[in-house]
Amino acid sequence: MTGQLQVGFARRDITPSPGIDLSGFGFRFGASLGSLEPLEVGALAVTDGDRTLLLLSFDLIGLTIEHLADLRARMVAETGVPGANQMWACTHTHGGPETGVLPSMGEKDPDYLESVAEAALAAAAAALGRMTTADLWLARGESYVGANRRSAAFRPGGPEDGHIDDIDAAVVVGEFRGTDGNPIVTLVNYSCHPTGSRESVSTSDYPGHMRRTVSAATGAPSLYVNGAGGDVNQRFDGAGYRSVSNARHHGVDLGRTVLDLRSQLRRSSTSCADAASSPADLHYADPISQDEAHRILAEGQRALEATTGTAQRLRIQSHQVDFARRVLDWQPSDGSDLTVDIQALRIGDLALVAIPSEFFSADGRALRAETRSHELMIAGWSNGLVGYTPTRRAMATGGYEVDDAHRWYGHHAAWDPVSGDNLREAALASIRHLFNDD
């Protein structure tokens, strides 16, 4: 197919007020005291005249599948864009409010979540209302601002799982340009946790710094899609494990990589817009023993009865009690424990695929190697968030993502590695459906 697309972009502020519980760190003390920089939702609208797509990206930890069902229905009513054509991505910033995906880390605020919904609807409507003819230009490079956080070099005493550079290092850039050749919006995909600071302030972390760096140079907004970074954190810059300066340093560094790649942009050979999805079955691994669950339950109950600590400490103890009870109440399933739809969008030569988990970098690399699309953006933490989907190697070596994270997510056990395989296979099926005419 040849011709041109119609593209529109808009963004809205979703910065929380002080006092709202933040999410991402179980041992962060206190609610938000303020904001380092704005949190945003960006909305990209694309049509080829036959189909209209919406891509929304939020500076949030994630959104629950249940919440998204309501948001999608409201978006259909507001804009007419079918739910199957809407992709809801999150940057996974650990400096954003709790949204319900990590209930043990804080209380979600219904009023704030409603304000986010209204901002998303307004941004989408504005993007659809300012559509203009555009071409898509694409490039791919690499960045190592991210590091394998399970490696011995990154975390001595941890699982010692691989080399520090074992990440999905791909940086994919998609720039929409108007008929005058000027950029309308720059779409960027990379894979890394935004965990620069655990201070009690909201922050867009390195994705926000990347967007501002790119926008300052191009004169156009930028939209970030975070990818397969379940086992990837930002590298140190000499300022310590986590720091505000670390996040700024890496965001600016990534932004400069994006700007360098603009000299390599090539025009997409097609101008279609389409969507497809395929189901993926998720299965739980074996939980801890009943005896161990009883021990954790008794220990947690004693701690709750004895503690005179902070509300945050009480939440941690309650979290352990709730986890033990989930294990004791669990009953084996005869089939899938959860089935999710894996959605892919096609915009010209670009494929975007949404993965509703903390997808490991090895799965991201495998997906890039196996896909037939010309360029691929992986949207991890998107269209919902169900926790980590560890690889077999990770399950064998353990660590936070395997041993502890599922407790924070409200599960009784980790996801079995076959779940990651199924996510990848469903993603490939969706992508191949969109590109089967090429």
Protein backbone atom coordinates (compact mmCIF):
# COMPACT_ATOMS: atom_id res chain seq x y z
CA MET A 1 0.00 0.00 0.00
CA THR A 2 1.14 3.56 -0.72
CA GLY A 3 -0.15 7.00 0.14
CA GLN A 4 -0.26 8.94 3.37
CA LEU A 5 -1.65 8.65 6.86
CA GLN A 6 -3.62 11.12 8.95
CA VAL A 7 -2.07 11.68 12.38
CA GLY A 8 -2.97 13.70 15.46
CA PHE A 9 -1.36 14.05 18.87
CA ALA A 10 -2.34 15.64 22.18
CA ARG A 11 -1.29 15.33 25.80
CA ARG A 12 -2.75 16.20 29.18
CA ASP A 13 -1.33 16.63 32.68
CA ILE A 14 -2.00 13.82 35.19
CA THR A 15 0.30 15.01 37.99
CA PRO A 16 -1.18 13.93 41.35
CA SER A 17 -1.75 16.25 44.28
CA PRO A 18 0.36 15.79 47.43
CA GLY A 19 -0.95 13.17 49.83
CA ILE A 20 -1.66 10.43 47.27
CA ASP A 21 0.05 7.07 47.83
CA LEU A 22 2.81 6.37 45.31
CA SER A 23 3.56 2.94 43.87
CA GLY A 24 6.55 0.84 42.87
CA PHE A 25 8.56 0.57 46.09
CA GLY A 26 7.31 -1.52 48.99
CA PHE A 27 9.50 0.26 51.51
CA ARG A 28 8.92 3.87 50.49
CA PHE A 29 7.86 5.87 53.53
CA GLY A 30 4.84 8.12 53.33
CA ALA A 31 2.60 9.45 50.57
CA SER A 32 3.56 11.97 47.91
CA LEU A 33 4.97 15.26 49.21
CA GLY A 34 4.86 16.94 45.82
CA SER A 35 6.18 16.58 42.28
CA LEU A 36 9.61 16.80 40.65
CA GLU A 37 8.15 17.31 37.18
CA PRO A 38 4.77 16.78 35.48
CA LEU A 39 3.24 13.39 34.81
CA GLU A 40 1.46 13.17 31.46
CA VAL A 41 -0.80 11.08 29.27
CA GLY A 42 -0.08 11.35 25.56
CA ALA A 43 -2.56 10.28 22.87
CA LEU A 44 -1.57 9.41 19.31
CA ALA A 45 -4.39 9.02 16.76
CA VAL A 46 -3.68 7.45 13.36
CA THR A 47 -5.98 6.63 10.45
CA ASP A 48 -5.51 5.35 6.92
CA GLY A 49 -9.05 6.36 6.00
CA ASP A 50 -10.45 2.90 6.72
CA ARG A 51 -9.31 2.23 10.29
CA THR A 52 -8.49 4.56 13.16
CA LEU A 53 -6.05 3.60 15.91
CA LEU A 54 -5.39 5.17 19.30
CA LEU A 55 -2.17 4.76 21.28
CA LEU A 56 -2.17 6.23 24.78
CA SER A 57 0.90 6.35 27.01
CA PHE A 58 0.64 7.21 30.72
CA ASP A 59 3.28 8.13 33.29
CA LEU A 60 1.88 5.45 35.60
CA ILE A 61 3.04 2.15 37.12
CA GLY A 62 0.33 0.33 35.17
CA LEU A 63 -3.43 -0.14 34.92
CA THR A 64 -5.48 -3.19 35.89
CA ILE A 65 -7.24 -5.25 33.24
CA GLU A 66 -10.54 -4.66 35.01
CA HIS A 67 -10.10 -0.88 35.06
CA LEU A 68 -9.14 -0.88 31.38
CA ALA A 69 -12.36 -2.63 30.40
CA ASP A 70 -14.27 0.37 31.73
CA LEU A 71 -11.85 2.89 30.20
CA ARG A 72 -12.08 1.27 26.78
CA ALA A 73 -15.87 1.35 26.85
CA ARG A 74 -15.81 5.04 27.78
CA MET A 75 -13.34 5.75 24.98
CA VAL A 76 -15.62 4.03 22.46
CA ALA A 77 -18.55 6.14 23.63
CA GLU A 78 -16.48 9.33 23.53
CA THR A 79 -14.58 8.85 20.25
CA GLY A 80 -16.13 5.96 18.34
CA VAL A 81 -12.73 4.22 18.08
CA PRO A 82 -13.33 0.47 18.65
CA GLY A 83 -11.83 -1.03 21.77
CA ALA A 84 -9.80 -3.46 19.66
CA ASN A 85 -8.04 -0.46 18.09
CA GLN A 86 -7.06 1.19 21.39
CA MET A 87 -3.67 0.46 23.00
CA TRP A 88 -3.15 1.62 26.59
CA ALA A 89 0.55 1.79 27.47
CA CYS A 90 2.25 2.83 30.72
CA THR A 91 5.83 3.97 31.22
CA HIS A 92 5.88 2.04 34.53
CA THR A 93 7.33 4.99 36.44
CA HIS A 94 7.86 4.16 40.10
CA GLY A 95 7.17 7.78 40.88
CA GLY A 96 3.48 7.67 40.06
CA PRO A 97 0.35 6.99 42.13
CA GLU A 98 -0.91 3.55 43.05
CA THR A 99 -3.54 2.46 40.52
CA GLY A 100 -4.65 -0.90 41.90
CA VAL A 101 -2.00 -3.11 40.27
CA LEU A 102 0.21 -3.27 43.40
CA PRO A 103 -2.38 -3.06 46.19
CA SER A 104 0.11 -3.90 48.92
CA MET A 105 2.17 -0.77 48.18
CA GLY A 106 -0.54 1.81 48.70
CA GLU A 107 -4.19 2.77 48.42
CA LYS A 108 -5.54 3.79 45.04
CA ASP A 109 -7.39 7.11 44.97
CA PRO A 110 -10.70 6.85 43.03
CA ASP A 111 -10.87 10.60 42.46
CA TYR A 112 -7.37 10.65 41.00
CA LEU A 113 -8.11 7.68 38.75
CA GLU A 114 -11.22 9.44 37.49
CA SER A 115 -9.14 12.52 36.70
CA VAL A 116 -6.75 10.29 34.73
CA ALA A 117 -9.67 8.83 32.79
CA GLU A 118 -10.99 12.29 31.96
CA ALA A 119 -7.52 13.43 30.89
CA ALA A 120 -7.13 10.40 28.61
CA LEU A 121 -10.54 10.99 27.01
CA ALA A 122 -9.75 14.66 26.50
CA ALA A 123 -6.32 13.94 25.00
CA ALA A 124 -7.76 11.34 22.61
CA ALA A 125 -10.56 13.67 21.50
CA ALA A 126 -8.07 16.49 20.93
CA ALA A 127 -5.74 14.21 18.94
CA LEU A 128 -8.61 13.06 16.74
CA GLY A 129 -9.68 16.66 16.26
CA ARG A 130 -6.32 17.82 14.87
CA MET A 131 -5.54 15.09 12.35
CA THR A 132 -3.16 16.10 9.58
CA THR A 133 -1.53 14.33 6.65
CA ALA A 134 1.76 12.72 7.62
CA ASP A 135 4.44 10.22 6.66
CA LEU A 136 6.07 7.79 9.08
CA TRP A 137 9.86 7.62 9.23
CA LEU A 138 11.62 4.80 11.10
CA ALA A 139 15.05 3.99 12.52
CA ARG A 140 16.56 1.56 15.00
CA GLY A 141 19.68 1.78 17.12
CA GLU A 142 20.96 0.68 20.53
CA SER A 143 21.43 2.11 24.00
CA TYR A 144 22.95 0.73 27.19
CA VAL A 145 21.55 3.21 29.68
CA GLY A 146 19.79 0.08 30.95
CA ALA A 147 21.58 -2.82 32.67
CA ASN A 148 20.72 -6.39 33.59
CA ARG A 149 19.83 -5.89 37.24
CA ARG A 150 20.04 -9.65 37.93
CA SER A 151 23.73 -9.78 36.98
CA ALA A 152 26.51 -10.07 39.56
CA ALA A 153 28.08 -6.86 38.28
CA PHE A 154 24.87 -4.92 38.93
CA ARG A 155 23.81 -6.53 42.18
CA PRO A 156 26.48 -8.52 44.05
CA GLY A 157 24.86 -11.23 46.14
CA GLY A 158 21.83 -11.41 43.84
CA PRO A 159 20.91 -14.22 41.47
CA GLU A 160 24.05 -13.60 39.33
CA ASP A 161 21.96 -14.23 36.23
CA GLY A 162 23.96 -13.32 33.11
CA HIS A 163 26.12 -10.42 32.00
CA ILE A 164 25.29 -6.81 32.86
CA ASP A 165 24.71 -6.10 29.14
CA ASP A 166 22.14 -8.92 28.72
CA ILE A 167 19.23 -6.58 27.93
CA ASP A 168 16.99 -5.68 25.01
CA ALA A 169 19.11 -2.73 23.89
CA ALA A 170 17.00 -1.77 20.87
CA VAL A 171 15.95 1.86 20.51
CA VAL A 172 13.20 2.16 17.90
CA VAL A 173 12.22 5.60 16.67
CA GLY A 174 9.12 6.45 14.67
CA GLU A 175 8.76 10.06 13.59
CA PHE A 176 5.58 11.35 11.98
CA ARG A 177 6.30 14.24 9.64
CA GLY A 178 3.85 16.62 8.01
CA THR A 179 3.74 17.54 4.33
CA ASP A 180 6.16 20.39 5.11
CA GLY A 181 8.72 17.85 6.34
CA ASN A 182 8.55 19.01 9.94
CA PRO A 183 8.01 16.52 12.77
CA ILE A 184 4.53 16.21 14.30
CA VAL A 185 5.43 13.72 17.04
CA THR A 186 8.36 11.38 17.74
CA LEU A 187 7.53 7.91 19.03
CA VAL A 188 10.31 6.19 21.02
CA ASN A 189 10.59 2.60 22.27
CA TYR A 190 13.19 1.32 24.76
CA SER A 191 13.20 -1.23 27.59
CA CYS A 192 14.17 -0.20 31.11
CA HIS A 193 12.61 0.24 34.56
CA PRO A 194 11.99 3.88 35.56
CA THR A 195 13.24 3.43 39.13
CA GLY A 196 15.57 6.41 39.41
CA SER A 197 14.36 7.61 42.78
CA ARG A 198 12.34 6.24 45.67
CA GLU A 199 11.82 9.65 47.25
CA SER A 200 8.25 10.49 48.30
CA VAL A 201 7.64 12.72 45.29
CA SER A 202 5.97 12.00 41.97
CA THR A 203 8.24 11.90 38.93
CA SER A 204 8.09 10.83 35.30
CA ASP A 205 11.68 9.59 35.78
CA TYR A 206 13.96 9.06 32.78
CA PRO A 207 11.07 8.80 30.23
CA GLY A 208 10.09 12.39 31.01
CA HIS A 209 13.67 13.62 30.64
CA MET A 210 13.97 11.72 27.35
CA ARG A 211 10.78 13.30 26.00
CA ARG A 212 11.85 16.80 26.96
CA THR A 213 15.32 16.31 25.43
CA VAL A 214 13.86 15.17 22.10
CA SER A 215 11.13 17.82 22.05
CA ALA A 216 13.57 20.64 22.78
CA ALA A 217 15.59 19.67 19.69
CA THR A 218 12.75 18.85 17.28
CA GLY A 219 10.19 21.42 18.33
CA ALA A 220 7.58 18.64 18.43
CA PRO A 221 6.23 16.44 21.26
CA SER A 222 7.56 12.97 21.97
CA LEU A 223 5.73 9.84 23.15
CA TYR A 224 7.50 7.05 25.05
CA VAL A 225 6.66 3.34 24.90
CA ASN A 226 8.49 1.21 27.48
CA GLY A 227 9.30 -2.33 26.42
CA ALA A 228 10.75 -5.65 27.60
CA GLY A 229 12.52 -4.36 30.70
CA GLY A 230 11.26 -6.63 33.47
CA ASP A 231 14.85 -7.43 34.45
CA VAL A 232 16.44 -4.11 33.47
CA ASN A 233 17.27 -1.06 35.63
CA GLN A 234 19.18 2.15 34.88
CA ARG A 235 22.94 1.95 35.22
CA PHE A 236 24.83 3.86 37.87
CA ASP A 237 26.32 7.22 36.94
CA GLY A 238 28.50 7.51 40.03
CA ALA A 239 25.74 9.13 42.08
CA GLY A 240 24.53 5.92 43.69
CA TYR A 241 22.05 3.15 43.09
CA ARG A 242 19.02 5.45 42.82
CA SER A 243 19.00 9.22 42.51
CA VAL A 244 17.16 12.03 40.79
CA SER A 245 20.38 12.90 38.94
CA ASN A 246 20.67 9.29 37.74
CA ALA A 247 17.22 9.45 36.15
CA ARG A 248 17.99 12.81 34.53
CA HIS A 249 21.36 11.61 33.24
CA HIS A 250 19.91 8.51 31.60
CA GLY A 251 16.85 10.24 30.19
CA VAL A 252 19.03 12.89 28.52
CA ASP A 253 21.44 10.19 27.28
CA LEU A 254 18.59 8.19 25.74
CA GLY A 255 17.16 11.36 24.22
CA ARG A 256 20.49 12.13 22.55
CA THR A 257 20.57 8.61 21.11
CA VAL A 258 17.11 9.23 19.63
CA LEU A 259 18.27 12.53 18.13
CA ASP A 260 21.35 10.85 16.61
CA LEU A 261 19.09 8.20 15.04
CA ARG A 262 17.05 10.86 13.24
CA SER A 263 19.82 11.03 10.62
CA GLN A 264 19.10 7.37 9.81
CA LEU A 265 15.32 7.64 9.45
CA ARG A 266 13.81 6.00 6.39
CA ARG A 267 10.33 6.57 5.11
CA SER A 268 7.80 3.77 5.67
CA SER A 269 6.94 2.04 2.39
CA THR A 270 3.29 1.59 3.36
CA SER A 271 0.60 3.74 4.95
CA CYS A 272 -1.89 1.30 6.44
CA ALA A 273 -3.39 1.26 9.93
CA ASP A 274 -4.70 -1.98 11.39
CA ALA A 275 -5.08 -4.01 14.59
CA ALA A 276 -5.19 -7.69 15.55
CA SER A 277 -5.13 -9.75 18.73
CA SER A 278 -4.50 -13.32 19.82
CA PRO A 279 -5.20 -15.03 23.17
CA ALA A 280 -2.43 -16.11 25.54
CA ASP A 281 -2.93 -18.50 28.46
CA LEU A 282 -1.07 -17.75 31.70
CA HIS A 283 -0.34 -20.46 34.26
CA TYR A 284 0.89 -20.26 37.83
CA ALA A 285 4.01 -22.05 39.04
CA ASP A 286 3.76 -24.20 42.16
CA PRO A 287 3.23 -22.11 45.29
CA ILE A 288 5.17 -22.44 48.53
CA SER A 289 4.15 -25.32 50.80
CA GLN A 290 1.14 -25.15 53.10
CA ASP A 291 3.47 -25.49 56.10
CA GLU A 292 5.50 -22.48 54.95
CA ALA A 293 2.31 -20.49 54.36
CA HIS A 294 1.11 -21.29 57.89
CA ARG A 295 4.48 -20.15 59.25
CA ILE A 296 4.30 -16.82 57.35
CA LEU A 297 0.70 -16.33 58.47
CA ALA A 298 1.51 -16.90 62.14
CA GLU A 299 4.59 -14.70 62.00
CA GLY A 300 2.70 -11.90 60.28
CA GLN A 301 -0.20 -12.04 62.73
CA ARG A 302 2.21 -11.85 65.69
CA ALA A 303 3.94 -8.87 64.13
CA LEU A 304 0.62 -7.09 63.54
CA GLU A 305 -0.42 -7.64 67.14
CA ALA A 306 2.91 -6.45 68.52
CA THR A 307 3.81 -3.58 66.21
CA THR A 308 3.61 0.05 67.20
CA GLY A 309 5.28 1.18 63.98
CA THR A 310 4.16 3.36 61.09
CA ALA A 311 1.14 2.80 58.88
CA GLN A 312 3.59 1.76 56.18
CA ARG A 313 5.06 -0.93 58.43
CA LEU A 314 1.58 -2.20 59.27
CA ARG A 315 0.84 -2.39 55.54
CA ILE A 316 3.93 -4.54 54.98
CA GLN A 317 2.89 -6.95 57.73
CA SER A 318 -0.70 -7.09 56.46
CA HIS A 319 0.68 -7.80 53.00
CA GLN A 320 2.47 -10.91 54.30
CA VAL A 321 -0.65 -12.13 56.08
CA ASP A 322 -2.76 -11.64 52.96
CA PHE A 323 -0.21 -13.51 50.85
CA ALA A 324 -0.19 -16.51 53.22
CA ARG A 325 -3.97 -16.65 53.17
CA ARG A 326 -3.99 -16.60 49.35
CA VAL A 327 -1.66 -19.60 49.32
CA LEU A 328 -3.81 -21.48 51.84
CA ASP A 329 -7.01 -20.72 49.90
CA TRP A 330 -5.59 -21.60 46.48
CA GLN A 331 -7.12 -24.46 44.51
CA PRO A 332 -5.43 -25.95 41.40
CA SER A 333 -7.01 -25.03 38.06
CA ASP A 334 -7.92 -27.55 35.38
CA GLY A 335 -6.96 -25.10 32.64
CA SER A 336 -5.58 -21.62 32.18
CA ASP A 337 -5.30 -19.51 35.32
CA LEU A 338 -5.76 -16.37 33.23
CA THR A 339 -6.26 -15.69 29.52
CA VAL A 340 -5.24 -12.31 28.10
CA ASP A 341 -5.56 -10.85 24.61
CA ILE A 342 -2.26 -9.81 23.05
CA GLN A 343 -2.90 -6.88 20.76
CA ALA A 344 -0.74 -5.65 17.91
CA LEU A 345 -1.14 -2.43 15.95
CA ARG A 346 0.27 -1.85 12.50
CA ILE A 347 1.15 1.64 11.30
CA GLY A 348 2.83 1.36 7.92
CA ASP A 349 6.02 -0.66 8.35
CA LEU A 350 5.81 -0.42 12.14
CA ALA A 351 4.30 -3.02 14.47
CA LEU A 352 3.47 -2.26 18.11
CA VAL A 353 2.59 -5.14 20.42
CA ALA A 354 1.20 -4.75 23.95
CA ILE A 355 2.34 -7.18 26.66
CA PRO A 356 0.42 -6.90 29.97
CA SER A 357 3.33 -8.03 32.13
CA GLU A 358 6.84 -7.24 33.28
CA PHE A 359 8.25 -8.97 30.20
CA PHE A 360 11.87 -10.13 30.45
CA SER A 361 14.49 -8.81 28.04
CA ALA A 362 15.33 -12.31 26.73
CA ASP A 363 11.71 -12.65 25.61
CA GLY A 364 11.91 -9.21 24.02
CA ARG A 365 15.04 -10.13 22.08
CA ALA A 366 13.47 -13.40 20.96
CA LEU A 367 10.33 -11.61 19.82
CA ARG A 368 12.36 -9.13 17.77
CA ALA A 369 14.34 -11.99 16.20
CA GLU A 370 11.21 -13.92 15.26
CA THR A 371 8.94 -11.18 13.98
CA ARG A 372 8.55 -10.54 10.25
CA SER A 373 7.59 -6.89 10.67
CA HIS A 374 10.00 -4.26 9.38
CA GLU A 375 10.24 -2.56 12.78
CA LEU A 376 8.82 -3.64 16.13
CA MET A 377 7.98 -1.67 19.25
CA ILE A 378 7.25 -3.79 22.32
CA ALA A 379 4.89 -2.12 24.78
CA GLY A 380 5.46 -3.87 28.09
CA TRP A 381 3.33 -3.03 31.12
CA SER A 382 0.51 -2.28 28.66
CA ASN A 383 -3.16 -3.19 28.23
CA GLY A 384 -3.10 -4.24 31.88
CA LEU A 385 -0.42 -5.43 34.28
CA VAL A 386 -0.43 -8.91 35.84
CA GLY A 387 3.11 -9.01 37.26
CA TYR A 388 6.40 -10.55 36.15
CA THR A 389 6.52 -13.39 33.62
CA PRO A 390 9.97 -14.89 34.36
CA THR A 391 12.00 -16.97 31.93
CA ARG A 392 13.12 -20.52 32.70
CA ARG A 393 16.61 -19.24 33.46
CA ALA A 394 15.21 -16.75 35.95
CA MET A 395 13.07 -19.41 37.64
CA ALA A 396 16.17 -21.57 38.06
CA THR A 397 18.21 -18.81 39.72
CA GLY A 398 15.45 -17.12 41.74
CA GLY A 399 15.59 -13.52 42.93
CA TYR A 400 13.01 -10.81 43.52
CA GLU A 401 11.14 -11.26 40.24
CA VAL A 402 10.60 -14.96 41.01
CA ASP A 403 10.47 -15.22 44.80
CA ASP A 404 8.81 -12.02 46.00
CA ALA A 405 7.21 -9.85 43.31
CA HIS A 406 4.04 -11.94 42.94
CA ARG A 407 3.22 -11.26 46.60
CA TRP A 408 3.08 -7.51 45.94
CA TYR A 409 0.92 -8.10 42.88
CA GLY A 410 -1.68 -10.00 44.91
CA HIS A 411 -0.90 -13.47 43.53
CA HIS A 412 -0.34 -16.69 45.48
CA ALA A 413 2.57 -17.77 43.22
CA ALA A 414 4.78 -16.59 40.39
CA TRP A 415 3.79 -17.11 36.78
CA ASP A 416 5.25 -20.27 35.27
CA PRO A 417 7.79 -19.65 32.44
CA VAL A 418 5.36 -21.19 29.94
CA SER A 419 3.34 -18.01 30.43
CA GLY A 420 6.12 -15.93 28.88
CA ASP A 421 6.33 -18.39 26.01
CA ASN A 422 2.60 -18.08 25.42
CA LEU A 423 2.75 -14.28 25.50
CA ARG A 424 5.50 -14.30 22.91
CA GLU A 425 3.68 -16.78 20.66
CA ALA A 426 0.45 -14.78 20.83
CA ALA A 427 2.36 -11.60 20.03
CA LEU A 428 3.91 -13.26 16.98
CA ALA A 429 0.50 -14.51 15.84
CA SER A 430 -0.98 -11.01 16.06
CA ILE A 431 1.95 -9.42 14.23
CA ARG A 432 1.98 -12.05 11.48
CA HIS A 433 -1.75 -11.58 10.94
CA LEU A 434 -1.13 -7.88 10.27
CA PHE A 435 1.82 -8.45 7.92
CA ASN A 436 0.65 -11.59 6.10
CA ASP A 437 0.04 -9.71 2.82
CA ASP A 438 3.65 -8.55 2.52
